[in-house]
Amino acid sequence: MVTVENFFPLLADPTRLRCLLLLATEGELCVCELTHALKESQPKVSRHLATLREAGIVSDRREGLWIHYRLNPDLPAWSREILTTASQANAAAKPLAQDRKRLRGAPTRPPVRCCA
């Protein structure tokens, strides 16, 4: 269960925060899209996503070799509102604006999705 006590400390890590803000903006993203957008290694991004999944903040689904993440649909409204507001308020600020720009240029953006 997501509580204030476990939610805010998870936002303190820049990689986790950037992942969550992208997910709040984009909906569902593949690990390879997140690694491209954040310019971080796949193991680092996957480790942070696993932490967020274990805390109940994100959920995942497997599609063949690929794992897609999104905000957990059961996330409390207050926490979803915090992420949405933070994402909107910082859309033009670094590093979120840079992350979103790299994401738009990712070779894995729809209609073709892969984690190759």
N, C-alpha and C. Protein backbone atom coordinates (compact mmCIF):
# COMPACT_ATOMS: atom_id res chain seq x y z
N MET A 1 0.84 -1.18 0.00
CA MET A 1 0.00 0.00 0.00
C MET A 1 0.89 1.24 0.00
N VAL A 2 0.56 2.19 -0.85
CA VAL A 2 1.33 3.43 -0.95
C VAL A 2 0.88 4.38 0.16
N THR A 3 1.86 4.81 0.95
CA THR A 3 1.60 5.77 2.02
C THR A 3 2.52 6.98 1.83
N VAL A 4 2.21 8.04 2.52
CA VAL A 4 3.07 9.23 2.48
C VAL A 4 4.49 8.86 2.90
N GLU A 5 4.60 8.01 3.92
CA GLU A 5 5.91 7.64 4.46
C GLU A 5 6.78 6.89 3.46
N ASN A 6 6.17 6.10 2.57
CA ASN A 6 7.00 5.38 1.60
C ASN A 6 7.01 6.05 0.23
N PHE A 7 6.06 6.92 -0.05
CA PHE A 7 5.98 7.57 -1.36
C PHE A 7 7.06 8.64 -1.54
N PHE A 8 7.12 9.59 -0.63
CA PHE A 8 8.04 10.71 -0.79
C PHE A 8 9.51 10.32 -0.77
N PRO A 9 9.93 9.39 0.08
CA PRO A 9 11.35 8.99 0.01
C PRO A 9 11.72 8.38 -1.35
N LEU A 10 10.78 7.70 -2.00
CA LEU A 10 11.07 7.13 -3.32
C LEU A 10 11.27 8.21 -4.37
N LEU A 11 10.63 9.36 -4.19
CA LEU A 11 10.78 10.48 -5.13
C LEU A 11 12.11 11.19 -4.96
N ALA A 12 12.81 10.94 -3.87
CA ALA A 12 14.06 11.64 -3.59
C ALA A 12 15.19 11.22 -4.54
N ASP A 13 15.08 10.05 -5.14
CA ASP A 13 16.11 9.61 -6.07
C ASP A 13 15.82 10.20 -7.45
N PRO A 14 16.78 10.89 -8.06
CA PRO A 14 16.54 11.53 -9.36
C PRO A 14 16.12 10.56 -10.47
N THR A 15 16.69 9.38 -10.52
CA THR A 15 16.33 8.43 -11.58
C THR A 15 14.89 7.97 -11.41
N ARG A 16 14.50 7.63 -10.19
CA ARG A 16 13.12 7.20 -9.95
C ARG A 16 12.15 8.34 -10.24
N LEU A 17 12.49 9.55 -9.81
CA LEU A 17 11.61 10.69 -10.05
C LEU A 17 11.45 10.94 -11.54
N ARG A 18 12.53 10.92 -12.29
CA ARG A 18 12.45 11.16 -13.72
C ARG A 18 11.62 10.08 -14.42
N CYS A 19 11.79 8.83 -14.01
CA CYS A 19 10.96 7.74 -14.57
C CYS A 19 9.48 8.00 -14.30
N LEU A 20 9.17 8.35 -13.07
CA LEU A 20 7.77 8.58 -12.70
C LEU A 20 7.17 9.77 -13.44
N LEU A 21 7.94 10.84 -13.59
CA LEU A 21 7.41 12.00 -14.30
C LEU A 21 7.17 11.68 -15.77
N LEU A 22 8.05 10.90 -16.38
CA LEU A 22 7.82 10.48 -17.76
C LEU A 22 6.59 9.58 -17.86
N LEU A 23 6.44 8.65 -16.93
CA LEU A 23 5.28 7.77 -16.95
C LEU A 23 3.99 8.56 -16.73
N ALA A 24 4.04 9.57 -15.87
CA ALA A 24 2.86 10.39 -15.63
C ALA A 24 2.46 11.14 -16.90
N THR A 25 3.45 11.52 -17.70
CA THR A 25 3.18 12.26 -18.93
C THR A 25 2.82 11.35 -20.08
N GLU A 26 3.56 10.27 -20.23
CA GLU A 26 3.46 9.42 -21.42
C GLU A 26 2.52 8.23 -21.28
N GLY A 27 2.21 7.84 -20.08
CA GLY A 27 1.36 6.67 -19.89
C GLY A 27 2.21 5.43 -19.67
N GLU A 28 2.39 4.66 -20.69
CA GLU A 28 3.16 3.41 -20.60
C GLU A 28 4.42 3.52 -21.43
N LEU A 29 5.54 3.08 -20.84
CA LEU A 29 6.82 3.09 -21.54
C LEU A 29 7.56 1.79 -21.32
N CYS A 30 8.29 1.39 -22.32
CA CYS A 30 9.14 0.22 -22.26
C CYS A 30 10.45 0.61 -21.56
N VAL A 31 11.10 -0.35 -20.97
CA VAL A 31 12.38 -0.10 -20.31
C VAL A 31 13.37 0.54 -21.28
N CYS A 32 13.41 0.07 -22.52
CA CYS A 32 14.37 0.62 -23.48
C CYS A 32 14.06 2.08 -23.79
N GLU A 33 12.80 2.46 -23.78
CA GLU A 33 12.45 3.87 -24.00
C GLU A 33 12.92 4.73 -22.83
N LEU A 34 12.76 4.22 -21.63
CA LEU A 34 13.21 4.96 -20.45
C LEU A 34 14.73 5.08 -20.42
N THR A 35 15.44 4.02 -20.77
CA THR A 35 16.91 4.10 -20.77
C THR A 35 17.39 5.11 -21.81
N HIS A 36 16.73 5.16 -22.95
CA HIS A 36 17.09 6.12 -23.99
C HIS A 36 16.80 7.55 -23.52
N ALA A 37 15.64 7.77 -22.95
CA ALA A 37 15.25 9.11 -22.52
C ALA A 37 16.13 9.62 -21.39
N LEU A 38 16.47 8.77 -20.44
CA LEU A 38 17.24 9.19 -19.28
C LEU A 38 18.75 9.13 -19.51
N LYS A 39 19.17 8.49 -20.60
CA LYS A 39 20.59 8.27 -20.87
C LYS A 39 21.27 7.54 -19.72
N GLU A 40 20.59 6.50 -19.24
CA GLU A 40 21.10 5.67 -18.15
C GLU A 40 21.17 4.23 -18.63
N SER A 41 21.90 3.40 -17.92
CA SER A 41 22.04 2.00 -18.31
C SER A 41 20.76 1.23 -18.01
N GLN A 42 20.54 0.17 -18.77
CA GLN A 42 19.35 -0.65 -18.58
C GLN A 42 19.31 -1.26 -17.18
N PRO A 43 20.43 -1.80 -16.65
CA PRO A 43 20.35 -2.36 -15.30
C PRO A 43 19.97 -1.32 -14.24
N LYS A 44 20.49 -0.10 -14.37
CA LYS A 44 20.17 0.95 -13.40
C LYS A 44 18.69 1.30 -13.46
N VAL A 45 18.16 1.52 -14.65
CA VAL A 45 16.75 1.87 -14.80
C VAL A 45 15.87 0.73 -14.32
N SER A 46 16.20 -0.50 -14.70
CA SER A 46 15.41 -1.66 -14.28
C SER A 46 15.41 -1.82 -12.77
N ARG A 47 16.54 -1.58 -12.13
CA ARG A 47 16.62 -1.69 -10.66
C ARG A 47 15.69 -0.67 -10.00
N HIS A 48 15.69 0.56 -10.51
CA HIS A 48 14.82 1.59 -9.92
C HIS A 48 13.34 1.29 -10.19
N LEU A 49 13.04 0.78 -11.38
CA LEU A 49 11.66 0.41 -11.68
C LEU A 49 11.19 -0.75 -10.80
N ALA A 50 12.09 -1.69 -10.51
CA ALA A 50 11.73 -2.80 -9.62
C ALA A 50 11.40 -2.27 -8.22
N THR A 51 12.16 -1.30 -7.75
CA THR A 51 11.89 -0.69 -6.45
C THR A 51 10.52 -0.03 -6.45
N LEU A 52 10.20 0.70 -7.52
CA LEU A 52 8.90 1.35 -7.63
C LEU A 52 7.76 0.33 -7.74
N ARG A 53 8.01 -0.77 -8.44
CA ARG A 53 7.00 -1.83 -8.56
C ARG A 53 6.74 -2.48 -7.20
N GLU A 54 7.82 -2.78 -6.47
CA GLU A 54 7.68 -3.40 -5.15
C GLU A 54 6.93 -2.50 -4.18
N ALA A 55 7.06 -1.18 -4.35
CA ALA A 55 6.36 -0.23 -3.50
C ALA A 55 4.91 -0.02 -3.93
N GLY A 56 4.53 -0.57 -5.09
CA GLY A 56 3.16 -0.44 -5.58
C GLY A 56 2.90 0.84 -6.35
N ILE A 57 3.95 1.56 -6.74
CA ILE A 57 3.77 2.83 -7.44
C ILE A 57 3.64 2.63 -8.94
N VAL A 58 4.34 1.66 -9.48
CA VAL A 58 4.19 1.33 -10.90
C VAL A 58 3.78 -0.13 -11.03
N SER A 59 3.22 -0.44 -12.18
CA SER A 59 2.92 -1.83 -12.52
C SER A 59 3.58 -2.11 -13.86
N ASP A 60 3.75 -3.38 -14.15
CA ASP A 60 4.40 -3.75 -15.40
C ASP A 60 3.61 -4.83 -16.11
N ARG A 61 3.90 -4.96 -17.38
CA ARG A 61 3.35 -6.06 -18.15
C ARG A 61 4.43 -6.51 -19.12
N ARG A 62 4.47 -7.79 -19.34
CA ARG A 62 5.46 -8.37 -20.24
C ARG A 62 4.81 -8.59 -21.60
N GLU A 63 5.57 -8.24 -22.63
CA GLU A 63 5.15 -8.48 -24.01
C GLU A 63 6.35 -9.09 -24.72
N GLY A 64 6.37 -10.42 -24.78
CA GLY A 64 7.54 -11.11 -25.33
C GLY A 64 8.75 -10.84 -24.47
N LEU A 65 9.80 -10.29 -25.05
CA LEU A 65 11.02 -9.97 -24.32
C LEU A 65 10.96 -8.64 -23.61
N TRP A 66 9.93 -7.85 -23.86
CA TRP A 66 9.87 -6.48 -23.39
C TRP A 66 8.99 -6.33 -22.16
N ILE A 67 9.38 -5.40 -21.32
CA ILE A 67 8.59 -5.09 -20.14
C ILE A 67 8.19 -3.62 -20.22
N HIS A 68 6.90 -3.40 -20.11
CA HIS A 68 6.34 -2.05 -20.18
C HIS A 68 5.87 -1.64 -18.79
N TYR A 69 6.12 -0.40 -18.43
CA TYR A 69 5.75 0.12 -17.11
C TYR A 69 4.76 1.26 -17.26
N ARG A 70 3.93 1.41 -16.24
CA ARG A 70 2.98 2.52 -16.15
C ARG A 70 2.72 2.77 -14.69
N LEU A 71 2.13 3.92 -14.40
CA LEU A 71 1.72 4.16 -13.02
C LEU A 71 0.69 3.11 -12.64
N ASN A 72 0.79 2.61 -11.44
CA ASN A 72 -0.14 1.59 -10.98
C ASN A 72 -1.56 2.15 -11.00
N PRO A 73 -2.50 1.47 -11.67
CA PRO A 73 -3.88 1.97 -11.71
C PRO A 73 -4.51 2.09 -10.33
N ASP A 74 -3.98 1.35 -9.34
CA ASP A 74 -4.50 1.42 -7.98
C ASP A 74 -3.79 2.46 -7.12
N LEU A 75 -2.94 3.26 -7.74
CA LEU A 75 -2.24 4.32 -7.02
C LEU A 75 -3.26 5.28 -6.43
N PRO A 76 -3.10 5.66 -5.16
CA PRO A 76 -4.05 6.61 -4.58
C PRO A 76 -4.10 7.91 -5.38
N ALA A 77 -5.27 8.50 -5.44
CA ALA A 77 -5.47 9.72 -6.22
C ALA A 77 -4.51 10.84 -5.81
N TRP A 78 -4.24 10.98 -4.52
CA TRP A 78 -3.36 12.05 -4.06
C TRP A 78 -1.95 11.90 -4.63
N SER A 79 -1.45 10.67 -4.71
CA SER A 79 -0.09 10.47 -5.22
C SER A 79 -0.05 10.63 -6.74
N ARG A 80 -1.08 10.19 -7.42
CA ARG A 80 -1.16 10.38 -8.87
C ARG A 80 -1.23 11.88 -9.19
N GLU A 81 -1.98 12.63 -8.40
CA GLU A 81 -2.11 14.07 -8.60
C GLU A 81 -0.76 14.77 -8.40
N ILE A 82 0.00 14.35 -7.42
CA ILE A 82 1.33 14.93 -7.17
C ILE A 82 2.22 14.71 -8.39
N LEU A 83 2.23 13.50 -8.93
CA LEU A 83 3.08 13.20 -10.09
C LEU A 83 2.62 13.96 -11.33
N THR A 84 1.32 14.01 -11.55
CA THR A 84 0.79 14.72 -12.72
C THR A 84 1.08 16.21 -12.62
N THR A 85 0.86 16.80 -11.47
CA THR A 85 1.11 18.22 -11.28
C THR A 85 2.60 18.53 -11.42
N ALA A 86 3.45 17.72 -10.84
CA ALA A 86 4.90 17.94 -10.94
C ALA A 86 5.35 17.81 -12.39
N SER A 87 4.81 16.86 -13.11
CA SER A 87 5.18 16.67 -14.51
C SER A 87 4.75 17.87 -15.35
N GLN A 88 3.53 18.32 -15.15
CA GLN A 88 3.03 19.47 -15.92
C GLN A 88 3.78 20.75 -15.56
N ALA A 89 4.04 20.95 -14.29
CA ALA A 89 4.70 22.18 -13.84
C ALA A 89 6.16 22.25 -14.28
N ASN A 90 6.76 21.11 -14.55
CA ASN A 90 8.17 21.07 -14.92
C ASN A 90 8.40 20.63 -16.35
N ALA A 91 7.37 20.67 -17.16
CA ALA A 91 7.47 20.18 -18.54
C ALA A 91 8.56 20.88 -19.33
N ALA A 92 8.79 22.15 -19.07
CA ALA A 92 9.80 22.90 -19.84
C ALA A 92 11.13 22.99 -19.10
N ALA A 93 11.21 22.44 -17.90
CA ALA A 93 12.42 22.55 -17.08
C ALA A 93 13.33 21.34 -17.28
N LYS A 94 14.63 21.56 -17.07
CA LYS A 94 15.59 20.45 -17.09
C LYS A 94 15.41 19.67 -15.81
N PRO A 95 15.60 18.39 -15.79
CA PRO A 95 15.94 17.52 -16.91
C PRO A 95 14.73 16.95 -17.64
N LEU A 96 13.51 17.22 -17.14
CA LEU A 96 12.33 16.60 -17.74
C LEU A 96 12.16 16.98 -19.21
N ALA A 97 12.38 18.22 -19.55
CA ALA A 97 12.23 18.63 -20.95
C ALA A 97 13.23 17.89 -21.84
N GLN A 98 14.45 17.71 -21.35
CA GLN A 98 15.46 16.98 -22.12
C GLN A 98 15.07 15.50 -22.24
N ASP A 99 14.57 14.92 -21.16
CA ASP A 99 14.14 13.52 -21.18
C ASP A 99 13.03 13.32 -22.21
N ARG A 100 12.06 14.22 -22.21
CA ARG A 100 10.93 14.10 -23.15
C ARG A 100 11.40 14.29 -24.58
N LYS A 101 12.34 15.18 -24.81
CA LYS A 101 12.87 15.39 -26.16
C LYS A 101 13.60 14.14 -26.64
N ARG A 102 14.43 13.56 -25.77
CA ARG A 102 15.13 12.32 -26.15
C ARG A 102 14.13 11.19 -26.39
N LEU A 103 13.09 11.13 -25.58
CA LEU A 103 12.07 10.09 -25.74
C LEU A 103 11.39 10.21 -27.10
N ARG A 104 11.07 11.42 -27.51
CA ARG A 104 10.44 11.61 -28.82
C ARG A 104 11.36 11.15 -29.95
N GLY A 105 12.67 11.25 -29.74
CA GLY A 105 13.63 10.85 -30.75
C GLY A 105 14.09 9.41 -30.63
N ALA A 106 13.55 8.69 -29.67
CA ALA A 106 13.98 7.31 -29.45
C ALA A 106 13.62 6.44 -30.65
N PRO A 107 14.54 5.59 -31.09
CA PRO A 107 14.26 4.71 -32.22
C PRO A 107 13.17 3.69 -31.92
N THR A 108 12.76 3.55 -30.68
CA THR A 108 11.78 2.56 -30.27
C THR A 108 10.38 3.12 -30.13
N ARG A 109 10.17 4.39 -30.43
CA ARG A 109 8.84 4.98 -30.28
C ARG A 109 7.86 4.33 -31.24
N PRO A 110 6.58 4.28 -30.87
CA PRO A 110 5.57 3.67 -31.74
C PRO A 110 5.65 4.22 -33.14
N PRO A 111 5.28 3.44 -34.16
CA PRO A 111 4.55 2.19 -34.07
C PRO A 111 5.42 0.96 -33.81
N VAL A 112 6.73 1.06 -33.88
CA VAL A 112 7.58 -0.10 -33.63
C VAL A 112 8.15 0.01 -32.23
N ARG A 113 7.95 -1.01 -31.42
CA ARG A 113 8.47 -1.02 -30.06
C ARG A 113 9.38 -2.23 -29.90
N CYS A 114 10.56 -1.97 -29.39
CA CYS A 114 11.46 -3.09 -29.12
C CYS A 114 12.46 -2.69 -28.06
N CYS A 115 13.09 -3.66 -27.50
CA CYS A 115 14.13 -3.41 -26.51
C CYS A 115 15.45 -3.97 -26.97
N ALA A 116 15.63 -4.02 -28.25
CA ALA A 116 16.86 -4.58 -28.81
C ALA A 116 18.04 -3.68 -28.52
